[in-house]
PDB file of N, CA and C in Angstrom:
ATOM      1  N   MET A   1       1.017  -1.352   0.061  1.00  0.00           N
ATOM      2  CA  MET A   1       0.003  -0.228   0.068  1.00  0.00           C
ATOM      3  C   MET A   1       1.134   1.471   0.143  1.00  0.00           C
ATOM      4  N   SER A   2       0.593   2.322  -0.884  1.00  0.00           N
ATOM      5  CA  SER A   2       1.650   3.497  -0.891  1.00  0.00           C
ATOM      6  C   SER A   2       0.461   4.652  -0.481  1.00  0.00           C
ATOM      7  N   ALA A   3       1.363   5.868  -0.179  1.00  0.00           N
ATOM      8  CA  ALA A   3       0.669   6.512   0.605  1.00  0.00           C
ATOM      9  C   ALA A   3       0.487   8.128  -0.743  1.00  0.00           C
ATOM     10  N   ALA A   4      -0.858   8.009  -0.731  1.00  0.00           N
ATOM     11  CA  ALA A   4      -1.291   9.235  -1.771  1.00  0.00           C
ATOM     12  C   ALA A   4      -0.383  10.458  -1.637  1.00  0.00           C
ATOM     13  N   ALA A   5       0.137  10.970  -3.189  1.00  0.00           N
ATOM     14  CA  ALA A   5       0.813  12.113  -2.585  1.00  0.00           C
ATOM     15  C   ALA A   5       0.146  13.379  -2.818  1.00  0.00           C
ATOM     16  N   HIS A   6       0.114  14.271  -2.077  1.00  0.00           N
ATOM     17  CA  HIS A   6      -0.906  15.501  -1.840  1.00  0.00           C
ATOM     18  C   HIS A   6      -0.097  16.356  -2.968  1.00  0.00           C
ATOM     19  N   VAL A   7      -0.758  16.710  -3.953  1.00  0.00           N
ATOM     20  CA  VAL A   7      -0.614  17.860  -4.980  1.00  0.00           C
ATOM     21  C   VAL A   7      -1.460  19.224  -4.829  1.00  0.00           C
ATOM     22  N   GLU A   8      -0.719  20.148  -4.382  1.00  0.00           N
ATOM     23  CA  GLU A   8      -1.767  21.428  -4.576  1.00  0.00           C
ATOM     24  C   GLU A   8      -1.852  22.062  -5.777  1.00  0.00           C
ATOM     25  N   ALA A   9      -3.291  22.435  -6.011  1.00  0.00           N
ATOM     26  CA  ALA A   9      -3.631  23.153  -7.137  1.00  0.00           C
ATOM     27  C   ALA A   9      -2.405  24.305  -7.531  1.00  0.00           C
ATOM     28  N   PRO A  10      -2.005  24.758  -8.514  1.00  0.00           N
ATOM     29  CA  PRO A  10      -0.997  25.711  -8.721  1.00  0.00           C
ATOM     30  C   PRO A  10      -2.067  27.124  -8.400  1.00  0.00           C
ATOM     31  N   GLN A  11      -0.886  28.124  -8.068  1.00  0.00           N
ATOM     32  CA  GLN A  11      -1.577  29.279  -7.400  1.00  0.00           C
ATOM     33  C   GLN A  11      -2.222  30.396  -8.930  1.00  0.00           C
ATOM     34  N   ARG A  12      -3.174  30.828  -8.676  1.00  0.00           N
ATOM     35  CA  ARG A  12      -4.062  31.365  -9.709  1.00  0.00           C
ATOM     36  C   ARG A  12      -3.981  32.796  -9.442  1.00  0.00           C
ATOM     37  N   PRO A  13      -3.240  33.960 -10.121  1.00  0.00           N
ATOM     38  CA  PRO A  13      -3.264  35.207  -9.586  1.00  0.00           C
ATOM     39  C   PRO A  13      -4.613  35.818  -9.987  1.00  0.00           C
ATOM     40  N   VAL A  14      -5.510  36.653  -9.052  1.00  0.00           N
ATOM     41  CA  VAL A  14      -6.879  36.955  -9.638  1.00  0.00           C
ATOM     42  C   VAL A  14      -6.603  38.521  -9.369  1.00  0.00           C
ATOM     43  N   LEU A  15      -5.473  39.109  -9.037  1.00  0.00           N
ATOM     44  CA  LEU A  15      -4.938  40.404  -9.369  1.00  0.00           C
ATOM     45  C   LEU A  15      -3.563  40.447  -9.483  1.00  0.00           C
ATOM     46  N   GLU A  16      -3.179  41.339 -10.386  1.00  0.00           N
ATOM     47  CA  GLU A  16      -2.020  41.421 -10.647  1.00  0.00           C
ATOM     48  C   GLU A  16      -1.471  42.905 -10.881  1.00  0.00           C
ATOM     49  N   MET A  17      -0.861  43.450 -10.293  1.00  0.00           N
ATOM     50  CA  MET A  17      -0.300  44.964 -10.513  1.00  0.00           C
ATOM     51  C   MET A  17       1.312  45.030 -10.821  1.00  0.00           C
ATOM     52  N   ARG A  18       1.497  45.110 -11.879  1.00  0.00           N
ATOM     53  CA  ARG A  18       2.759  44.930 -12.548  1.00  0.00           C
ATOM     54  C   ARG A  18       3.518  46.652 -12.477  1.00  0.00           C
ATOM     55  N   HIS A  19       4.701  46.797 -11.888  1.00  0.00           N
ATOM     56  CA  HIS A  19       5.304  47.984 -12.532  1.00  0.00           C
ATOM     57  C   HIS A  19       4.536  49.364 -12.034  1.00  0.00           C
ATOM     58  N   ILE A  20       4.056  49.283 -10.822  1.00  0.00           N
ATOM     59  CA  ILE A  20       3.277  50.573 -11.139  1.00  0.00           C
ATOM     60  C   ILE A  20       4.121  51.861 -10.441  1.00  0.00           C
ATOM     61  N   SER A  21       3.974  52.953 -10.999  1.00  0.00           N
ATOM     62  CA  SER A  21       4.724  54.186 -10.360  1.00  0.00           C
ATOM     63  C   SER A  21       3.601  55.261 -10.683  1.00  0.00           C
ATOM     64  N   LYS A  22       3.888  56.346  -9.732  1.00  0.00           N
ATOM     65  CA  LYS A  22       3.139  57.306  -9.396  1.00  0.00           C
ATOM     66  C   LYS A  22       4.287  58.720  -9.009  1.00  0.00           C
ATOM     67  N   THR A  23       3.730  59.571  -9.904  1.00  0.00           N
ATOM     68  CA  THR A  23       4.502  60.694  -9.376  1.00  0.00           C
ATOM     69  C   THR A  23       3.324  62.053  -9.282  1.00  0.00           C
ATOM     70  N   PHE A  24       3.817  63.024  -8.702  1.00  0.00           N
ATOM     71  CA  PHE A  24       3.197  63.957  -8.503  1.00  0.00           C
ATOM     72  C   PHE A  24       3.940  64.852  -8.657  1.00  0.00           C
ATOM     73  N   GLY A  25       4.264  65.694  -9.647  1.00  0.00           N
ATOM     74  CA  GLY A  25       5.443  66.681  -9.886  1.00  0.00           C
ATOM     75  C   GLY A  25       6.788  66.211  -9.380  1.00  0.00           C
ATOM     76  N   PRO A  26       7.433  66.799  -8.663  1.00  0.00           N
ATOM     77  CA  PRO A  26       8.689  66.063  -8.346  1.00  0.00           C
ATOM     78  C   PRO A  26       8.509  65.219  -7.376  1.00  0.00           C
ATOM     79  N   ILE A  27       7.238  64.926  -6.622  1.00  0.00           N
ATOM     80  CA  ILE A  27       7.097  63.823  -5.744  1.00  0.00           C
ATOM     81  C   ILE A  27       7.028  62.497  -6.130  1.00  0.00           C
ATOM     82  N   ARG A  28       7.606  61.574  -5.696  1.00  0.00           N
ATOM     83  CA  ARG A  28       7.762  60.022  -6.285  1.00  0.00           C
ATOM     84  C   ARG A  28       6.836  59.472  -5.362  1.00  0.00           C
ATOM     85  N   ALA A  29       5.481  58.884  -5.462  1.00  0.00           N
ATOM     86  CA  ALA A  29       4.683  58.506  -4.531  1.00  0.00           C
ATOM     87  C   ALA A  29       4.997  57.043  -4.660  1.00  0.00           C
ATOM     88  N   LEU A  30       5.349  56.298  -5.828  1.00  0.00           N
ATOM     89  CA  LEU A  30       5.103  55.064  -6.038  1.00  0.00           C
ATOM     90  C   LEU A  30       6.322  54.668  -7.100  1.00  0.00           C
ATOM     91  N   GLN A  31       7.302  53.852  -7.095  1.00  0.00           N
ATOM     92  CA  GLN A  31       8.462  53.456  -7.736  1.00  0.00           C
ATOM     93  C   GLN A  31       8.167  52.111  -8.118  1.00  0.00           C
ATOM     94  N   ASP A  32       7.884  51.542  -9.019  1.00  0.00           N
ATOM     95  CA  ASP A  32       8.170  49.826  -9.610  1.00  0.00           C
ATOM     96  C   ASP A  32       7.326  48.913  -8.713  1.00  0.00           C
ATOM     97  N   VAL A  33       6.352  49.566  -8.320  1.00  0.00           N
ATOM     98  CA  VAL A  33       5.593  48.621  -7.337  1.00  0.00           C
ATOM     99  C   VAL A  33       4.600  47.461  -8.114  1.00  0.00           C
ATOM    100  N   SER A  34       5.043  46.020  -7.346  1.00  0.00           N
ATOM    101  CA  SER A  34       4.330  44.771  -8.090  1.00  0.00           C
ATOM    102  C   SER A  34       3.596  44.274  -6.806  1.00  0.00           C
ATOM    103  N   LEU A  35       2.380  43.814  -7.000  1.00  0.00           N
ATOM    104  CA  LEU A  35       1.288  42.948  -6.233  1.00  0.00           C
ATOM    105  C   LEU A  35       0.720  41.810  -6.826  1.00  0.00           C
ATOM    106  N   THR A  36       0.866  41.024  -6.155  1.00  0.00           N
ATOM    107  CA  THR A  36       0.077  39.776  -7.170  1.00  0.00           C
ATOM    108  C   THR A  36      -0.614  38.880  -5.689  1.00  0.00           C
ATOM    109  N   VAL A  37      -1.907  39.034  -5.973  1.00  0.00           N
ATOM    110  CA  VAL A  37      -2.858  38.267  -4.903  1.00  0.00           C
ATOM    111  C   VAL A  37      -3.490  37.095  -5.611  1.00  0.00           C
ATOM    112  N   ASN A  38      -3.103  35.936  -5.230  1.00  0.00           N
ATOM    113  CA  ASN A  38      -3.570  34.681  -5.660  1.00  0.00           C
ATOM    114  C   ASN A  38      -5.326  34.305  -5.270  1.00  0.00           C
ATOM    115  N   ALA A  39      -6.101  33.544  -6.085  1.00  0.00           N
ATOM    116  CA  ALA A  39      -7.159  33.012  -5.242  1.00  0.00           C
ATOM    117  C   ALA A  39      -7.154  32.615  -4.216  1.00  0.00           C
ATOM    118  N   GLY A  40      -8.114  32.793  -2.732  1.00  0.00           N
ATOM    119  CA  GLY A  40      -8.001  32.527  -1.665  1.00  0.00           C
ATOM    120  C   GLY A  40      -7.216  32.871  -0.632  1.00  0.00           C
ATOM    121  N   GLU A  41      -6.499  34.032  -1.014  1.00  0.00           N
ATOM    122  CA  GLU A  41      -5.353  34.848  -0.409  1.00  0.00           C
ATOM    123  C   GLU A  41      -6.076  36.125   0.433  1.00  0.00           C
ATOM    124  N   LEU A  42      -5.533  36.489   1.444  1.00  0.00           N
ATOM    125  CA  LEU A  42      -5.894  37.740   2.042  1.00  0.00           C
ATOM    126  C   LEU A  42      -4.692  38.604   2.387  1.00  0.00           C
ATOM    127  N   HIS A  43      -4.498  39.793   1.683  1.00  0.00           N
ATOM    128  CA  HIS A  43      -3.431  40.583   2.085  1.00  0.00           C
ATOM    129  C   HIS A  43      -3.820  42.107   2.730  1.00  0.00           C
ATOM    130  N   ALA A  44      -2.988  42.672   3.705  1.00  0.00           N
ATOM    131  CA  ALA A  44      -2.976  43.477   4.147  1.00  0.00           C
ATOM    132  C   ALA A  44      -1.849  44.611   3.942  1.00  0.00           C
ATOM    133  N   LEU A  45      -1.728  45.904   3.394  1.00  0.00           N
ATOM    134  CA  LEU A  45      -1.123  47.243   3.271  1.00  0.00           C
ATOM    135  C   LEU A  45      -0.776  47.623   4.356  1.00  0.00           C
ATOM    136  N   MET A  46       0.474  47.573   4.939  1.00  0.00           N
ATOM    137  CA  MET A  46       0.809  48.669   6.321  1.00  0.00           C
ATOM    138  C   MET A  46       2.257  49.167   5.788  1.00  0.00           C
ATOM    139  N   GLY A  47       2.069  50.291   6.568  1.00  0.00           N
ATOM    140  CA  GLY A  47       3.237  50.921   6.133  1.00  0.00           C
ATOM    141  C   GLY A  47       3.224  52.346   6.901  1.00  0.00           C
ATOM    142  N   GLU A  48       4.157  53.218   7.194  1.00  0.00           N
ATOM    143  CA  GLU A  48       4.283  54.719   7.872  1.00  0.00           C
ATOM    144  C   GLU A  48       3.309  55.424   6.727  1.00  0.00           C
ATOM    145  N   ASN A  49       2.834  56.601   7.712  1.00  0.00           N
ATOM    146  CA  ASN A  49       2.038  57.877   6.682  1.00  0.00           C
ATOM    147  C   ASN A  49       3.181  57.987   5.672  1.00  0.00           C
ATOM    148  N   GLY A  50       2.657  58.364   4.279  1.00  0.00           N
ATOM    149  CA  GLY A  50       3.596  58.399   3.208  1.00  0.00           C
ATOM    150  C   GLY A  50       3.835  57.371   2.509  1.00  0.00           C
ATOM    151  N   ALA A  51       3.867  56.358   2.856  1.00  0.00           N
ATOM    152  CA  ALA A  51       4.603  54.995   2.597  1.00  0.00           C
ATOM    153  C   ALA A  51       4.159  54.869   0.745  1.00  0.00           C
ATOM    154  N   GLY A  52       2.481  55.026   0.435  1.00  0.00           N
ATOM    155  CA  GLY A  52       2.356  54.713  -0.543  1.00  0.00           C
ATOM    156  C   GLY A  52       0.912  53.698  -0.702  1.00  0.00           C
ATOM    157  N   LYS A  53       0.462  53.543   0.485  1.00  0.00           N
ATOM    158  CA  LYS A  53      -0.713  52.272   0.600  1.00  0.00           C
ATOM    159  C   LYS A  53      -1.537  53.130   0.011  1.00  0.00           C
ATOM    160  N   SER A  54      -2.312  54.085   0.260  1.00  0.00           N
ATOM    161  CA  SER A  54      -3.533  54.815  -0.408  1.00  0.00           C
ATOM    162  C   SER A  54      -3.593  55.209  -1.818  1.00  0.00           C
ATOM    163  N   THR A  55      -2.145  55.371  -1.993  1.00  0.00           N
ATOM    164  CA  THR A  55      -1.929  55.895  -3.656  1.00  0.00           C
ATOM    165  C   THR A  55      -1.776  54.647  -4.379  1.00  0.00           C
ATOM    166  N   LEU A  56      -1.764  53.784  -3.982  1.00  0.00           N
ATOM    167  CA  LEU A  56      -1.553  52.114  -4.503  1.00  0.00           C
ATOM    168  C   LEU A  56      -3.078  51.843  -5.021  1.00  0.00           C
ATOM    169  N   MET A  57      -3.956  51.788  -3.509  1.00  0.00           N
ATOM    170  CA  MET A  57      -5.182  51.757  -3.939  1.00  0.00           C
ATOM    171  C   MET A  57      -6.033  52.582  -4.676  1.00  0.00           C
ATOM    172  N   LYS A  58      -5.623  53.757  -4.674  1.00  0.00           N
ATOM    173  CA  LYS A  58      -6.145  54.527  -5.690  1.00  0.00           C
ATOM    174  C   LYS A  58      -5.985  54.646  -7.309  1.00  0.00           C
ATOM    175  N   VAL A  59      -4.828  54.283  -7.423  1.00  0.00           N
ATOM    176  CA  VAL A  59      -4.409  53.570  -8.774  1.00  0.00           C
ATOM    177  C   VAL A  59      -5.306  52.180  -8.905  1.00  0.00           C
ATOM    178  N   LEU A  60      -5.520  51.656  -8.125  1.00  0.00           N
ATOM    179  CA  LEU A  60      -6.014  50.325  -8.691  1.00  0.00           C
ATOM    180  C   LEU A  60      -7.525  50.618  -9.108  1.00  0.00           C
ATOM    181  N   SER A  61      -8.098  51.461  -7.871  1.00  0.00           N
ATOM    182  CA  SER A  61      -9.633  51.882  -7.993  1.00  0.00           C
ATOM    183  C   SER A  61      -9.794  53.028  -8.922  1.00  0.00           C
ATOM    184  N   GLY A  62      -8.651  53.290  -9.611  1.00  0.00           N
ATOM    185  CA  GLY A  62      -9.178  54.441 -10.717  1.00  0.00           C
ATOM    186  C   GLY A  62      -9.243  55.861 -10.446  1.00  0.00           C
ATOM    187  N   ALA A  63      -9.032  55.990  -9.530  1.00  0.00           N
ATOM    188  CA  ALA A  63      -8.751  57.609  -8.953  1.00  0.00           C
ATOM    189  C   ALA A  63      -7.664  58.202  -9.142  1.00  0.00           C
ATOM    190  N   TYR A  64      -6.364  57.286  -9.681  1.00  0.00           N
ATOM    191  CA  TYR A  64      -5.372  57.890  -9.854  1.00  0.00           C
ATOM    192  C   TYR A  64      -4.870  57.385 -11.026  1.00  0.00           C
ATOM    193  N   ARG A  65      -4.394  58.025 -12.248  1.00  0.00           N
ATOM    194  CA  ARG A  65      -3.770  57.034 -13.782  1.00  0.00           C
ATOM    195  C   ARG A  65      -2.277  56.711 -12.850  1.00  0.00           C
ATOM    196  N   PRO A  66      -2.078  55.630 -13.248  1.00  0.00           N
ATOM    197  CA  PRO A  66      -0.512  55.436 -12.698  1.00  0.00           C
ATOM    198  C   PRO A  66       0.221  55.960 -14.038  1.00  0.00           C
ATOM    199  N   ASP A  67       1.835  56.197 -13.708  1.00  0.00           N
ATOM    200  CA  ASP A  67       2.808  56.644 -14.390  1.00  0.00           C
ATOM    201  C   ASP A  67       2.826  55.562 -15.703  1.00  0.00           C
ATOM    202  N   ALA A  68       3.521  55.855 -17.180  1.00  0.00           N
ATOM    203  CA  ALA A  68       3.496  55.156 -18.071  1.00  0.00           C
ATOM    204  C   ALA A  68       4.208  53.643 -17.834  1.00  0.00           C
ATOM    205  N   GLY A  69       4.067  52.485 -18.161  1.00  0.00           N
ATOM    206  CA  GLY A  69       4.954  51.189 -17.821  1.00  0.00           C
ATOM    207  C   GLY A  69       4.255  50.029 -17.002  1.00  0.00           C
ATOM    208  N   GLY A  70       3.251  50.885 -16.222  1.00  0.00           N
ATOM    209  CA  GLY A  70       2.803  49.769 -15.582  1.00  0.00           C
ATOM    210  C   GLY A  70       1.774  49.166 -15.963  1.00  0.00           C
ATOM    211  N   GLU A  71       1.139  48.131 -15.377  1.00  0.00           N
ATOM    212  CA  GLU A  71      -0.356  47.145 -15.768  1.00  0.00           C
ATOM    213  C   GLU A  71      -0.838  46.555 -14.559  1.00  0.00           C
ATOM    214  N   ILE A  72      -2.195  46.380 -14.969  1.00  0.00           N
ATOM    215  CA  ILE A  72      -2.779  45.847 -13.745  1.00  0.00           C
ATOM    216  C   ILE A  72      -3.845  44.809 -14.605  1.00  0.00           C
ATOM    217  N   LEU A  73      -3.835  43.606 -14.104  1.00  0.00           N
ATOM    218  CA  LEU A  73      -4.418  42.463 -14.642  1.00  0.00           C
ATOM    219  C   LEU A  73      -5.235  41.885 -13.482  1.00  0.00           C
ATOM    220  N   ILE A  74      -6.846  41.628 -13.992  1.00  0.00           N
ATOM    221  CA  ILE A  74      -7.591  41.039 -13.261  1.00  0.00           C
ATOM    222  C   ILE A  74      -8.038  39.449 -14.259  1.00  0.00           C
ATOM    223  N   ASP A  75      -7.905  38.697 -12.912  1.00  0.00           N
ATOM    224  CA  ASP A  75      -7.807  37.220 -13.732  1.00  0.00           C
ATOM    225  C   ASP A  75      -7.309  37.097 -14.960  1.00  0.00           C
ATOM    226  N   GLY A  76      -6.021  37.724 -15.157  1.00  0.00           N
ATOM    227  CA  GLY A  76      -5.025  37.410 -16.189  1.00  0.00           C
ATOM    228  C   GLY A  76      -5.337  38.301 -17.245  1.00  0.00           C
ATOM    229  N   THR A  77      -6.544  39.438 -17.109  1.00  0.00           N
ATOM    230  CA  THR A  77      -6.854  40.342 -18.292  1.00  0.00           C
ATOM    231  C   THR A  77      -6.429  41.477 -18.038  1.00  0.00           C
ATOM    232  N   PRO A  78      -5.613  42.008 -18.794  1.00  0.00           N
ATOM    233  CA  PRO A  78      -5.428  43.779 -18.260  1.00  0.00           C
ATOM    234  C   PRO A  78      -6.863  44.624 -18.408  1.00  0.00           C
ATOM    235  N   VAL A  79      -6.845  45.506 -17.639  1.00  0.00           N
ATOM    236  CA  VAL A  79      -7.737  46.163 -17.359  1.00  0.00           C
ATOM    237  C   VAL A  79      -7.271  47.660 -17.315  1.00  0.00           C
ATOM    238  N   ALA A  80      -8.345  48.454 -17.767  1.00  0.00           N
ATOM    239  CA  ALA A  80      -7.857  50.280 -17.998  1.00  0.00           C
ATOM    240  C   ALA A  80      -8.015  50.523 -16.501  1.00  0.00           C
ATOM    241  N   THR A  81      -7.405  51.830 -16.828  1.00  0.00           N
ATOM    242  CA  THR A  81      -6.576  52.231 -15.441  1.00  0.00           C
ATOM    243  C   THR A  81      -7.013  54.048 -15.352  1.00  0.00           C
ATOM    244  N   GLY A  82      -7.052  54.394 -14.474  1.00  0.00           N
ATOM    245  CA  GLY A  82      -7.188  56.055 -14.309  1.00  0.00           C
ATOM    246  C   GLY A  82      -8.946  56.425 -14.553  1.00  0.00           C
ATOM    247  N   ASP A  83      -9.439  55.428 -14.492  1.00  0.00           N
ATOM    248  CA  ASP A  83     -11.065  55.952 -14.543  1.00  0.00           C
ATOM    249  C   ASP A  83     -11.949  54.819 -13.614  1.00  0.00           C
ATOM    250  N   PRO A  84     -12.624  55.733 -12.470  1.00  0.00           N
ATOM    251  CA  PRO A  84     -13.170  55.147 -11.223  1.00  0.00           C
ATOM    252  C   PRO A  84     -14.491  54.165 -11.791  1.00  0.00           C
ATOM    253  N   ILE A  85     -15.201  54.888 -13.023  1.00  0.00           N
ATOM    254  CA  ILE A  85     -16.208  54.174 -13.381  1.00  0.00           C
ATOM    255  C   ILE A  85     -15.827  52.940 -14.290  1.00  0.00           C
ATOM    256  N   ARG A  86     -14.818  52.831 -14.969  1.00  0.00           N
ATOM    257  CA  ARG A  86     -14.460  51.723 -15.704  1.00  0.00           C
ATOM    258  C   ARG A  86     -13.925  50.811 -14.595  1.00  0.00           C
ATOM    259  N   ALA A  87     -13.271  51.167 -13.647  1.00  0.00           N
ATOM    260  CA  ALA A  87     -12.910  50.120 -12.702  1.00  0.00           C
ATOM    261  C   ALA A  87     -13.952  49.371 -12.135  1.00  0.00           C
ATOM    262  N   ARG A  88     -14.999  50.099 -11.342  1.00  0.00           N
ATOM    263  CA  ARG A  88     -16.106  49.613 -10.694  1.00  0.00           C
ATOM    264  C   ARG A  88     -16.937  48.753 -11.940  1.00  0.00           C
ATOM    265  N   ALA A  89     -16.797  49.221 -13.208  1.00  0.00           N
ATOM    266  CA  ALA A  89     -17.630  48.146 -13.879  1.00  0.00           C
ATOM    267  C   ALA A  89     -16.814  46.921 -13.951  1.00  0.00           C
ATOM    268  N   GLN A  90     -15.517  47.084 -13.765  1.00  0.00           N
ATOM    269  CA  GLN A  90     -14.497  45.617 -14.010  1.00  0.00           C
ATOM    270  C   GLN A  90     -14.292  44.756 -12.589  1.00  0.00           C
ATOM    271  N   GLY A  91     -15.301  45.391 -11.736  1.00  0.00           N
ATOM    272  CA  GLY A  91     -15.478  44.580 -10.177  1.00  0.00           C
ATOM    273  C   GLY A  91     -14.329  45.294  -9.346  1.00  0.00           C
ATOM    274  N   ILE A  92     -13.616  46.054  -9.647  1.00  0.00           N
ATOM    275  CA  ILE A  92     -12.783  46.709  -8.566  1.00  0.00           C
ATOM    276  C   ILE A  92     -13.306  47.707  -8.129  1.00  0.00           C
ATOM    277  N   ALA A  93     -13.329  47.566  -6.623  1.00  0.00           N
ATOM    278  CA  ALA A  93     -13.755  48.769  -5.511  1.00  0.00           C
ATOM    279  C   ALA A  93     -12.809  48.459  -4.332  1.00  0.00           C
ATOM    280  N   VAL A  94     -12.629  49.677  -3.920  1.00  0.00           N
ATOM    281  CA  VAL A  94     -11.576  49.956  -2.890  1.00  0.00           C
ATOM    282  C   VAL A  94     -12.538  50.475  -1.613  1.00  0.00           C
ATOM    283  N   ILE A  95     -12.707  49.599  -0.314  1.00  0.00           N
ATOM    284  CA  ILE A  95     -13.238  50.351   0.899  1.00  0.00           C
ATOM    285  C   ILE A  95     -12.173  50.314   2.033  1.00  0.00           C
ATOM    286  N   TYR A  96     -12.243  51.271   2.709  1.00  0.00           N
ATOM    287  CA  TYR A  96     -10.998  51.744   3.245  1.00  0.00           C
ATOM    288  C   TYR A  96     -12.145  51.672   5.081  1.00  0.00           C
TER     289      TYR A  96
END
C-alpha cells in the first residue's frame, strides 16, 4: 500500500499590479511597485504615513492614473486604469 501524494493546485493570480509608478510633480509616491494576489489569499497593506498605501489603492480603483509602464490585470486580463467608473464596471472597488 502506498501513500497518496498530496498535490496542491497551482496558484492562480486574481489580481496583478506590475511595475506601478506614480509621481505628483517632483514627488515620487510609488516606484516600480508590483503586487500579486492569488485566489483565496488575504492581504493587508501596512506602512508608515506617506509610504504609498492609499496611492496604490487609488491607482487600483481608478482614482489616479499610474505613470506609463505599469499594468493591472484581473484574472489575467489587462484592465483600464485611471477611470473609477471603468474600474467599478470591471469589479474593482476599494473600501477603507
